[in-house]
Amino acid sequence: ERDEDAWDRQFEEDVTAGKLDDLA
């Protein structure tokens, strides 16, 4: 659960920072 939560937080940070925009 801790690992999944950390992954979710990192994903949200990456989305917010625009790191996935090119892939989208």
PDB file of all heavy atoms in Angstrom:
ATOM      1  N   GLU A   1       0.825  -1.208   0.000  1.00  0.00           N
ATOM      2  CA  GLU A   1       0.000   0.000   0.000  1.00  0.00           C
ATOM      3  C   GLU A   1       0.860   1.260   0.000  1.00  0.00           C
ATOM      4  O   GLU A   1       0.566   2.219  -0.722  1.00  0.00           O
ATOM      5  CB  GLU A   1      -0.942   0.005   1.202  1.00  0.00           C
ATOM      6  CG  GLU A   1      -2.066  -0.998   1.082  1.00  0.00           C
ATOM      7  CD  GLU A   1      -2.910  -1.106   2.340  1.00  0.00           C
ATOM      8  OE1 GLU A   1      -2.702  -0.315   3.287  1.00  0.00           O
ATOM      9  OE2 GLU A   1      -3.799  -1.986   2.369  1.00  0.00           O
ATOM     10  N   ARG A   2       1.928   1.263   0.804  1.00  0.00           N
ATOM     11  CA  ARG A   2       2.827   2.424   0.845  1.00  0.00           C
ATOM     12  C   ARG A   2       3.474   2.637  -0.518  1.00  0.00           C
ATOM     13  O   ARG A   2       3.599   3.769  -0.986  1.00  0.00           O
ATOM     14  CB  ARG A   2       3.916   2.216   1.902  1.00  0.00           C
ATOM     15  CG  ARG A   2       3.460   2.186   3.334  1.00  0.00           C
ATOM     16  CD  ARG A   2       3.244   3.561   3.900  1.00  0.00           C
ATOM     17  NE  ARG A   2       4.434   4.364   3.791  1.00  0.00           N
ATOM     18  CZ  ARG A   2       5.105   4.879   4.802  1.00  0.00           C
ATOM     19  NH1 ARG A   2       4.672   4.703   6.018  1.00  0.00           N
ATOM     20  NH2 ARG A   2       6.175   5.600   4.595  1.00  0.00           N
ATOM     21  N   ASP A   3       3.885   1.558  -1.161  1.00  0.00           N
ATOM     22  CA  ASP A   3       4.520   1.661  -2.471  1.00  0.00           C
ATOM     23  C   ASP A   3       3.536   2.193  -3.513  1.00  0.00           C
ATOM     24  O   ASP A   3       3.876   3.061  -4.316  1.00  0.00           O
ATOM     25  CB  ASP A   3       5.068   0.289  -2.878  1.00  0.00           C
ATOM     26  CG  ASP A   3       5.823   0.340  -4.185  1.00  0.00           C
ATOM     27  OD1 ASP A   3       6.746   1.176  -4.312  1.00  0.00           O
ATOM     28  OD2 ASP A   3       5.488  -0.448  -5.087  1.00  0.00           O
ATOM     29  N   GLU A   4       2.308   1.688  -3.485  1.00  0.00           N
ATOM     30  CA  GLU A   4       1.290   2.159  -4.426  1.00  0.00           C
ATOM     31  C   GLU A   4       0.977   3.627  -4.203  1.00  0.00           C
ATOM     32  O   GLU A   4       0.817   4.388  -5.167  1.00  0.00           O
ATOM     33  CB  GLU A   4       0.028   1.309  -4.306  1.00  0.00           C
ATOM     34  CG  GLU A   4       0.201  -0.101  -4.837  1.00  0.00           C
ATOM     35  CD  GLU A   4      -0.980  -1.012  -4.518  1.00  0.00           C
ATOM     36  OE1 GLU A   4      -1.929  -0.564  -3.835  1.00  0.00           O
ATOM     37  OE2 GLU A   4      -0.948  -2.177  -4.949  1.00  0.00           O
ATOM     38  N   ASP A   5       0.892   4.048  -2.950  1.00  0.00           N
ATOM     39  CA  ASP A   5       0.634   5.458  -2.645  1.00  0.00           C
ATOM     40  C   ASP A   5       1.768   6.343  -3.155  1.00  0.00           C
ATOM     41  O   ASP A   5       1.523   7.419  -3.719  1.00  0.00           O
ATOM     42  CB  ASP A   5       0.447   5.668  -1.139  1.00  0.00           C
ATOM     43  CG  ASP A   5      -0.851   5.082  -0.615  1.00  0.00           C
ATOM     44  OD1 ASP A   5      -1.755   4.767  -1.418  1.00  0.00           O
ATOM     45  OD2 ASP A   5      -0.963   4.941   0.622  1.00  0.00           O
ATOM     46  N   ALA A   6       3.004   5.886  -2.973  1.00  0.00           N
ATOM     47  CA  ALA A   6       4.159   6.656  -3.448  1.00  0.00           C
ATOM     48  C   ALA A   6       4.130   6.756  -4.975  1.00  0.00           C
ATOM     49  O   ALA A   6       4.414   7.824  -5.544  1.00  0.00           O
ATOM     50  CB  ALA A   6       5.463   6.006  -2.981  1.00  0.00           C
ATOM     51  N   TRP A   7       3.766   5.671  -5.645  1.00  0.00           N
ATOM     52  CA  TRP A   7       3.686   5.674  -7.109  1.00  0.00           C
ATOM     53  C   TRP A   7       2.616   6.657  -7.559  1.00  0.00           C
ATOM     54  O   TRP A   7       2.835   7.443  -8.491  1.00  0.00           O
ATOM     55  CB  TRP A   7       3.371   4.265  -7.622  1.00  0.00           C
ATOM     56  CG  TRP A   7       3.536   4.133  -9.107  1.00  0.00           C
ATOM     57  CD1 TRP A   7       4.636   3.691  -9.765  1.00  0.00           C
ATOM     58  CD2 TRP A   7       2.558   4.444 -10.113  1.00  0.00           C
ATOM     59  NE1 TRP A   7       4.404   3.712 -11.126  1.00  0.00           N
ATOM     60  CE2 TRP A   7       3.137   4.164 -11.368  1.00  0.00           C
ATOM     61  CE3 TRP A   7       1.263   4.929 -10.083  1.00  0.00           C
ATOM     62  CZ2 TRP A   7       2.477   4.366 -12.564  1.00  0.00           C
ATOM     63  CZ3 TRP A   7       0.591   5.137 -11.278  1.00  0.00           C
ATOM     64  CH2 TRP A   7       1.197   4.843 -12.507  1.00  0.00           C
ATOM     65  N   ASP A   8       1.456   6.628  -6.899  1.00  0.00           N
ATOM     66  CA  ASP A   8       0.366   7.548  -7.247  1.00  0.00           C
ATOM     67  C   ASP A   8       0.796   9.004  -7.071  1.00  0.00           C
ATOM     68  O   ASP A   8       0.511   9.854  -7.931  1.00  0.00           O
ATOM     69  CB  ASP A   8      -0.873   7.281  -6.395  1.00  0.00           C
ATOM     70  CG  ASP A   8      -1.582   5.991  -6.766  1.00  0.00           C
ATOM     71  OD1 ASP A   8      -1.324   5.443  -7.862  1.00  0.00           O
ATOM     72  OD2 ASP A   8      -2.401   5.521  -5.941  1.00  0.00           O
ATOM     73  N   ARG A   9       1.482   9.299  -5.959  1.00  0.00           N
ATOM     74  CA  ARG A   9       1.943  10.673  -5.724  1.00  0.00           C
ATOM     75  C   ARG A   9       2.931  11.104  -6.801  1.00  0.00           C
ATOM     76  O   ARG A   9       2.840  12.220  -7.328  1.00  0.00           O
ATOM     77  CB  ARG A   9       2.598  10.799  -4.351  1.00  0.00           C
ATOM     78  CG  ARG A   9       1.618  10.939  -3.209  1.00  0.00           C
ATOM     79  CD  ARG A   9       2.301  11.321  -1.909  1.00  0.00           C
ATOM     80  NE  ARG A   9       3.369  10.413  -1.519  1.00  0.00           N
ATOM     81  CZ  ARG A   9       3.191   9.259  -0.872  1.00  0.00           C
ATOM     82  NH1 ARG A   9       1.974   8.867  -0.544  1.00  0.00           N
ATOM     83  NH2 ARG A   9       4.218   8.501  -0.560  1.00  0.00           N
ATOM     84  N   GLN A  10       3.855  10.219  -7.159  1.00  0.00           N
ATOM     85  CA  GLN A  10       4.837  10.558  -8.194  1.00  0.00           C
ATOM     86  C   GLN A  10       4.158  10.777  -9.534  1.00  0.00           C
ATOM     87  O   GLN A  10       4.487  11.706 -10.270  1.00  0.00           O
ATOM     88  CB  GLN A  10       5.895   9.452  -8.317  1.00  0.00           C
ATOM     89  CG  GLN A  10       6.994   9.788  -9.308  1.00  0.00           C
ATOM     90  CD  GLN A  10       7.803  10.994  -8.884  1.00  0.00           C
ATOM     91  OE1 GLN A  10       8.351  11.019  -7.793  1.00  0.00           O
ATOM     92  NE2 GLN A  10       7.880  12.005  -9.742  1.00  0.00           N
ATOM     93  N   PHE A  11       3.187   9.936  -9.860  1.00  0.00           N
ATOM     94  CA  PHE A  11       2.456  10.087 -11.123  1.00  0.00           C
ATOM     95  C   PHE A  11       1.745  11.430 -11.167  1.00  0.00           C
ATOM     96  O   PHE A  11       1.821  12.154 -12.167  1.00  0.00           O
ATOM     97  CB  PHE A  11       1.452   8.931 -11.293  1.00  0.00           C
ATOM     98  CG  PHE A  11       0.674   9.009 -12.573  1.00  0.00           C
ATOM     99  CD1 PHE A  11       1.242   8.604 -13.766  1.00  0.00           C
ATOM    100  CD2 PHE A  11      -0.627   9.486 -12.589  1.00  0.00           C
ATOM    101  CE1 PHE A  11       0.534   8.667 -14.954  1.00  0.00           C
ATOM    102  CE2 PHE A  11      -1.345   9.562 -13.771  1.00  0.00           C
ATOM    103  CZ  PHE A  11      -0.762   9.157 -14.955  1.00  0.00           C
ATOM    104  N   GLU A  12       1.061  11.793 -10.084  1.00  0.00           N
ATOM    105  CA  GLU A  12       0.361  13.075 -10.020  1.00  0.00           C
ATOM    106  C   GLU A  12       1.343  14.238 -10.162  1.00  0.00           C
ATOM    107  O   GLU A  12       1.051  15.223 -10.855  1.00  0.00           O
ATOM    108  CB  GLU A  12      -0.420  13.199  -8.715  1.00  0.00           C
ATOM    109  CG  GLU A  12      -1.656  12.320  -8.666  1.00  0.00           C
ATOM    110  CD  GLU A  12      -2.683  12.659  -9.738  1.00  0.00           C
ATOM    111  OE1 GLU A  12      -2.838  13.847 -10.090  1.00  0.00           O
ATOM    112  OE2 GLU A  12      -3.327  11.726 -10.243  1.00  0.00           O
ATOM    113  N   GLU A  13       2.497  14.141  -9.511  1.00  0.00           N
ATOM    114  CA  GLU A  13       3.508  15.195  -9.632  1.00  0.00           C
ATOM    115  C   GLU A  13       3.994  15.310 -11.077  1.00  0.00           C
ATOM    116  O   GLU A  13       4.166  16.423 -11.586  1.00  0.00           O
ATOM    117  CB  GLU A  13       4.686  14.903  -8.707  1.00  0.00           C
ATOM    118  CG  GLU A  13       4.382  15.091  -7.239  1.00  0.00           C
ATOM    119  CD  GLU A  13       5.524  14.649  -6.334  1.00  0.00           C
ATOM    120  OE1 GLU A  13       6.662  14.456  -6.834  1.00  0.00           O
ATOM    121  OE2 GLU A  13       5.277  14.507  -5.120  1.00  0.00           O
ATOM    122  N   ASP A  14       4.201  14.168 -11.727  1.00  0.00           N
ATOM    123  CA  ASP A  14       4.661  14.181 -13.117  1.00  0.00           C
ATOM    124  C   ASP A  14       3.607  14.779 -14.043  1.00  0.00           C
ATOM    125  O   ASP A  14       3.930  15.553 -14.950  1.00  0.00           O
ATOM    126  CB  ASP A  14       5.032  12.771 -13.578  1.00  0.00           C
ATOM    127  CG  ASP A  14       6.303  12.244 -12.926  1.00  0.00           C
ATOM    128  OD1 ASP A  14       7.019  13.035 -12.277  1.00  0.00           O
ATOM    129  OD2 ASP A  14       6.557  11.027 -13.039  1.00  0.00           O
ATOM    130  N   VAL A  15       2.340  14.436 -13.811  1.00  0.00           N
ATOM    131  CA  VAL A  15       1.251  14.996 -14.628  1.00  0.00           C
ATOM    132  C   VAL A  15       1.186  16.499 -14.427  1.00  0.00           C
ATOM    133  O   VAL A  15       1.119  17.272 -15.395  1.00  0.00           O
ATOM    134  CB  VAL A  15      -0.100  14.331 -14.280  1.00  0.00           C
ATOM    135  CG1 VAL A  15      -1.259  15.092 -14.908  1.00  0.00           C
ATOM    136  CG2 VAL A  15      -0.111  12.881 -14.738  1.00  0.00           C
ATOM    137  N   THR A  16       1.201  16.937 -13.177  1.00  0.00           N
ATOM    138  CA  THR A  16       1.122  18.361 -12.866  1.00  0.00           C
ATOM    139  C   THR A  16       2.290  19.130 -13.473  1.00  0.00           C
ATOM    140  O   THR A  16       2.119  20.253 -13.955  1.00  0.00           O
ATOM    141  CB  THR A  16       1.082  18.576 -11.334  1.00  0.00           C
ATOM    142  OG1 THR A  16      -0.062  17.889 -10.812  1.00  0.00           O
ATOM    143  CG2 THR A  16       0.997  20.038 -10.973  1.00  0.00           C
ATOM    144  N   ALA A  17       3.463  18.519 -13.477  1.00  0.00           N
ATOM    145  CA  ALA A  17       4.658  19.170 -14.020  1.00  0.00           C
ATOM    146  C   ALA A  17       4.714  19.117 -15.547  1.00  0.00           C
ATOM    147  O   ALA A  17       5.620  19.676 -16.157  1.00  0.00           O
ATOM    148  CB  ALA A  17       5.918  18.524 -13.435  1.00  0.00           C
ATOM    149  N   GLY A  18       3.757  18.420 -16.165  1.00  0.00           N
ATOM    150  CA  GLY A  18       3.732  18.343 -17.622  1.00  0.00           C
ATOM    151  C   GLY A  18       4.674  17.317 -18.219  1.00  0.00           C
ATOM    152  O   GLY A  18       4.893  17.298 -19.424  1.00  0.00           O
ATOM    153  N   LYS A  19       5.215  16.445 -17.387  1.00  0.00           N
ATOM    154  CA  LYS A  19       6.191  15.473 -17.880  1.00  0.00           C
ATOM    155  C   LYS A  19       5.582  14.426 -18.819  1.00  0.00           C
ATOM    156  O   LYS A  19       6.318  13.748 -19.535  1.00  0.00           O
ATOM    157  CB  LYS A  19       6.878  14.770 -16.712  1.00  0.00           C
ATOM    158  CG  LYS A  19       7.771  15.692 -15.906  1.00  0.00           C
ATOM    159  CD  LYS A  19       8.449  14.948 -14.781  1.00  0.00           C
ATOM    160  CE  LYS A  19       9.368  15.861 -13.996  1.00  0.00           C
ATOM    161  NZ  LYS A  19      10.043  15.143 -12.900  1.00  0.00           N
ATOM    162  N   LEU A  20       4.270  14.295 -18.806  1.00  0.00           N
ATOM    163  CA  LEU A  20       3.629  13.290 -19.662  1.00  0.00           C
ATOM    164  C   LEU A  20       2.914  13.911 -20.863  1.00  0.00           C
ATOM    165  O   LEU A  20       2.283  13.207 -21.650  1.00  0.00           O
ATOM    166  CB  LEU A  20       2.642  12.461 -18.830  1.00  0.00           C
ATOM    167  CG  LEU A  20       3.244  11.780 -17.607  1.00  0.00           C
ATOM    168  CD1 LEU A  20       2.168  11.086 -16.788  1.00  0.00           C
ATOM    169  CD2 LEU A  20       4.322  10.795 -18.014  1.00  0.00           C
ATOM    170  N   ASP A  21       3.026  15.225 -21.008  1.00  0.00           N
ATOM    171  CA  ASP A  21       2.314  15.915 -22.077  1.00  0.00           C
ATOM    172  C   ASP A  21       2.686  15.396 -23.465  1.00  0.00           C
ATOM    173  O   ASP A  21       1.812  15.200 -24.311  1.00  0.00           O
ATOM    174  CB  ASP A  21       2.565  17.424 -22.009  1.00  0.00           C
ATOM    175  CG  ASP A  21       1.898  18.073 -20.817  1.00  0.00           C
ATOM    176  OD1 ASP A  21       1.121  17.387 -20.103  1.00  0.00           O
ATOM    177  OD2 ASP A  21       2.161  19.282 -20.581  1.00  0.00           O
ATOM    178  N   ASP A  22       3.973  15.175 -23.708  1.00  0.00           N
ATOM    179  CA  ASP A  22       4.394  14.691 -25.032  1.00  0.00           C
ATOM    180  C   ASP A  22       3.813  13.308 -25.326  1.00  0.00           C
ATOM    181  O   ASP A  22       3.399  13.023 -26.455  1.00  0.00           O
ATOM    182  CB  ASP A  22       5.915  14.655 -25.144  1.00  0.00           C
ATOM    183  CG  ASP A  22       6.526  16.053 -25.229  1.00  0.00           C
ATOM    184  OD1 ASP A  22       5.801  17.007 -25.561  1.00  0.00           O
ATOM    185  OD2 ASP A  22       7.736  16.167 -24.957  1.00  0.00           O
ATOM    186  N   LEU A  23       3.768  12.446 -24.304  1.00  0.00           N
ATOM    187  CA  LEU A  23       3.188  11.115 -24.504  1.00  0.00           C
ATOM    188  C   LEU A  23       1.701  11.207 -24.806  1.00  0.00           C
ATOM    189  O   LEU A  23       1.188  10.475 -25.661  1.00  0.00           O
ATOM    190  CB  LEU A  23       3.416  10.245 -23.258  1.00  0.00           C
ATOM    191  CG  LEU A  23       4.854   9.815 -22.991  1.00  0.00           C
ATOM    192  CD1 LEU A  23       4.941   9.100 -21.641  1.00  0.00           C
ATOM    193  CD2 LEU A  23       5.350   8.907 -24.097  1.00  0.00           C
ATOM    194  N   ALA A  24       1.008  12.092 -24.118  1.00  0.00           N
ATOM    195  CA  ALA A  24      -0.429  12.264 -24.350  1.00  0.00           C
ATOM    196  C   ALA A  24      -0.679  12.787 -25.760  1.00  0.00           C
ATOM    197  O   ALA A  24      -1.603  12.318 -26.459  1.00  0.00           O
ATOM    198  CB  ALA A  24      -1.026  13.208 -23.318  1.00  0.00           C
TER     199      ALA A  24
END
